[in-house]
């Protein structure tokens, strides 16, 4: 995934990611346009998950709130 596309309400997506990985904080999930790599890195560092798993979880969480 070259560019992380986050659609819909970020607060809903953020809540779903926190449910999946309870150790994530609001600071970990600060999203700023153009800082997708940093966001993925923070989540990966906190959870120990692979980049692919994190990208999949973010994509699933963001697509669920846009239906």
N, C-alpha and C. Protein backbone atom coordinates (compact mmCIF):
# COMPACT_ATOMS: atom_id res chain seq x y z
N UNK A 1 0.86 -1.17 0.00
CA UNK A 1 0.00 0.00 0.00
C UNK A 1 0.90 1.23 0.00
N UNK A 2 0.90 1.99 -1.09
CA UNK A 2 1.75 3.17 -1.19
C UNK A 2 1.19 4.33 -0.40
N UNK A 3 -0.11 4.48 -0.42
CA UNK A 3 -0.74 5.59 0.28
C UNK A 3 -1.89 5.04 1.11
N UNK A 4 -1.89 5.39 2.37
CA UNK A 4 -2.96 4.95 3.25
C UNK A 4 -4.16 5.84 3.03
N UNK A 5 -5.25 5.24 2.61
CA UNK A 5 -6.46 6.02 2.36
C UNK A 5 -7.41 5.79 3.53
N UNK A 6 -7.66 6.85 4.24
CA UNK A 6 -8.58 6.77 5.36
C UNK A 6 -9.81 7.58 4.99
N UNK A 7 -10.94 6.86 4.93
CA UNK A 7 -12.18 7.50 4.51
C UNK A 7 -13.12 7.61 5.69
N UNK A 8 -14.06 8.52 5.58
CA UNK A 8 -15.09 8.63 6.61
C UNK A 8 -14.61 9.35 7.85
N UNK A 9 -15.28 9.11 8.90
CA UNK A 9 -15.03 9.79 10.15
C UNK A 9 -13.84 9.14 10.87
N UNK A 10 -12.75 9.87 11.02
CA UNK A 10 -11.55 9.34 11.64
C UNK A 10 -11.80 8.93 13.09
N UNK A 11 -12.69 9.61 13.79
CA UNK A 11 -12.97 9.25 15.18
C UNK A 11 -13.57 7.84 15.29
N UNK A 12 -14.40 7.46 14.34
CA UNK A 12 -14.97 6.11 14.33
C UNK A 12 -13.87 5.10 14.04
N UNK A 13 -13.06 5.37 13.04
CA UNK A 13 -11.95 4.49 12.70
C UNK A 13 -11.01 4.33 13.89
N UNK A 14 -10.68 5.44 14.52
CA UNK A 14 -9.79 5.44 15.68
C UNK A 14 -10.36 4.57 16.80
N UNK A 15 -11.65 4.69 17.05
CA UNK A 15 -12.30 3.88 18.08
C UNK A 15 -12.22 2.39 17.79
N UNK A 16 -12.40 2.04 16.53
CA UNK A 16 -12.32 0.62 16.15
C UNK A 16 -10.91 0.08 16.30
N UNK A 17 -9.91 0.90 15.99
CA UNK A 17 -8.52 0.47 16.16
C UNK A 17 -8.18 0.31 17.64
N UNK A 18 -8.72 1.18 18.48
CA UNK A 18 -8.50 1.07 19.92
C UNK A 18 -9.17 -0.18 20.48
N UNK A 19 -10.30 -0.57 19.92
CA UNK A 19 -10.94 -1.80 20.36
C UNK A 19 -10.08 -3.00 19.99
N UNK A 20 -9.47 -2.96 18.81
CA UNK A 20 -8.63 -4.07 18.35
C UNK A 20 -7.34 -4.14 19.16
N UNK A 21 -6.71 -2.98 19.40
CA UNK A 21 -5.46 -2.91 20.14
C UNK A 21 -5.63 -1.94 21.30
N UNK A 22 -6.02 -2.45 22.43
CA UNK A 22 -6.36 -1.62 23.59
C UNK A 22 -5.20 -0.75 24.07
N UNK A 23 -3.98 -1.14 23.77
CA UNK A 23 -2.83 -0.37 24.26
C UNK A 23 -2.58 0.91 23.46
N UNK A 24 -3.29 1.12 22.36
CA UNK A 24 -3.12 2.35 21.59
C UNK A 24 -3.71 3.54 22.34
N UNK A 25 -3.03 4.67 22.24
CA UNK A 25 -3.51 5.90 22.88
C UNK A 25 -3.96 6.89 21.81
N UNK A 26 -4.60 7.97 22.24
CA UNK A 26 -4.99 9.02 21.30
C UNK A 26 -3.76 9.60 20.60
N UNK A 27 -2.66 9.73 21.34
CA UNK A 27 -1.43 10.25 20.74
C UNK A 27 -0.91 9.32 19.64
N UNK A 28 -1.02 8.00 19.87
CA UNK A 28 -0.59 7.05 18.85
C UNK A 28 -1.40 7.21 17.58
N UNK A 29 -2.65 7.58 17.73
CA UNK A 29 -3.58 7.62 16.60
C UNK A 29 -3.82 9.02 16.05
N UNK A 30 -2.91 9.94 16.32
CA UNK A 30 -3.00 11.27 15.74
C UNK A 30 -2.77 11.13 14.23
N UNK A 31 -3.75 11.54 13.44
CA UNK A 31 -3.63 11.44 11.99
C UNK A 31 -3.52 12.83 11.40
N UNK A 32 -2.50 13.02 10.60
CA UNK A 32 -2.34 14.28 9.87
C UNK A 32 -2.12 13.94 8.40
N UNK A 33 -2.74 14.68 7.54
CA UNK A 33 -2.61 14.46 6.11
C UNK A 33 -1.14 14.44 5.73
N UNK A 34 -0.74 13.45 4.95
CA UNK A 34 0.64 13.32 4.53
C UNK A 34 1.54 12.60 5.52
N UNK A 35 1.00 12.20 6.66
CA UNK A 35 1.80 11.55 7.70
C UNK A 35 1.37 10.09 7.90
N UNK A 36 0.92 9.45 6.84
CA UNK A 36 0.44 8.09 6.95
C UNK A 36 1.54 7.13 7.42
N UNK A 37 2.74 7.31 6.91
CA UNK A 37 3.86 6.45 7.28
C UNK A 37 4.16 6.55 8.78
N UNK A 38 4.10 7.76 9.29
CA UNK A 38 4.34 7.98 10.71
C UNK A 38 3.26 7.30 11.55
N UNK A 39 2.01 7.41 11.12
CA UNK A 39 0.90 6.77 11.82
C UNK A 39 1.10 5.26 11.87
N UNK A 40 1.42 4.67 10.74
CA UNK A 40 1.65 3.22 10.68
C UNK A 40 2.81 2.82 11.58
N UNK A 41 3.87 3.61 11.57
CA UNK A 41 5.03 3.32 12.40
C UNK A 41 4.72 3.36 13.89
N UNK A 42 3.93 4.36 14.30
CA UNK A 42 3.55 4.46 15.71
C UNK A 42 2.71 3.28 16.14
N UNK A 43 1.75 2.89 15.31
CA UNK A 43 0.90 1.74 15.64
C UNK A 43 1.75 0.47 15.68
N UNK A 44 2.65 0.31 14.72
CA UNK A 44 3.49 -0.88 14.67
C UNK A 44 4.39 -0.96 15.89
N UNK A 45 4.97 0.14 16.29
CA UNK A 45 5.85 0.16 17.46
C UNK A 45 5.07 -0.21 18.72
N UNK A 46 3.86 0.32 18.87
CA UNK A 46 3.06 0.10 20.07
C UNK A 46 2.52 -1.33 20.14
N UNK A 47 2.10 -1.88 18.99
CA UNK A 47 1.43 -3.19 19.00
C UNK A 47 2.35 -4.36 18.68
N UNK A 48 3.44 -4.11 17.96
CA UNK A 48 4.31 -5.19 17.54
C UNK A 48 3.77 -5.97 16.34
N UNK A 49 2.68 -5.49 15.77
CA UNK A 49 2.08 -6.15 14.60
C UNK A 49 2.89 -5.84 13.34
N UNK A 50 2.67 -6.64 12.30
CA UNK A 50 3.32 -6.38 11.02
C UNK A 50 2.66 -5.19 10.34
N UNK A 51 3.39 -4.58 9.46
CA UNK A 51 2.85 -3.45 8.70
C UNK A 51 1.61 -3.86 7.91
N UNK A 52 1.66 -5.04 7.32
CA UNK A 52 0.53 -5.53 6.52
C UNK A 52 -0.72 -5.71 7.39
N UNK A 53 -0.55 -6.24 8.59
CA UNK A 53 -1.69 -6.43 9.50
C UNK A 53 -2.29 -5.10 9.90
N UNK A 54 -1.44 -4.11 10.13
CA UNK A 54 -1.92 -2.78 10.53
C UNK A 54 -2.65 -2.12 9.37
N UNK A 55 -2.08 -2.19 8.18
CA UNK A 55 -2.74 -1.61 7.01
C UNK A 55 -4.11 -2.23 6.79
N UNK A 56 -4.18 -3.56 6.93
CA UNK A 56 -5.45 -4.26 6.75
C UNK A 56 -6.46 -3.81 7.81
N UNK A 57 -6.03 -3.71 9.06
CA UNK A 57 -6.93 -3.30 10.14
C UNK A 57 -7.44 -1.87 9.94
N UNK A 58 -6.55 -0.97 9.52
CA UNK A 58 -6.96 0.42 9.27
C UNK A 58 -7.95 0.48 8.11
N UNK A 59 -7.65 -0.27 7.06
CA UNK A 59 -8.54 -0.28 5.89
C UNK A 59 -9.92 -0.82 6.26
N UNK A 60 -9.95 -1.93 7.03
CA UNK A 60 -11.22 -2.51 7.46
C UNK A 60 -11.99 -1.56 8.38
N UNK A 61 -11.30 -0.95 9.32
CA UNK A 61 -11.95 -0.05 10.26
C UNK A 61 -12.52 1.18 9.55
N UNK A 62 -11.78 1.70 8.57
CA UNK A 62 -12.25 2.91 7.88
C UNK A 62 -13.34 2.59 6.87
N UNK A 63 -13.32 1.41 6.27
CA UNK A 63 -14.34 1.09 5.29
C UNK A 63 -15.68 0.76 5.95
N UNK A 64 -15.64 0.25 7.16
CA UNK A 64 -16.87 -0.10 7.87
C UNK A 64 -17.72 1.13 8.19
N UNK A 65 -17.09 2.26 8.39
CA UNK A 65 -17.86 3.44 8.78
C UNK A 65 -18.32 4.24 7.58
N UNK A 66 -18.01 3.78 6.39
CA UNK A 66 -18.38 4.54 5.19
C UNK A 66 -19.47 3.89 4.36
N UNK A 67 -19.99 2.78 4.81
CA UNK A 67 -21.01 2.07 4.03
C UNK A 67 -22.33 2.79 4.03
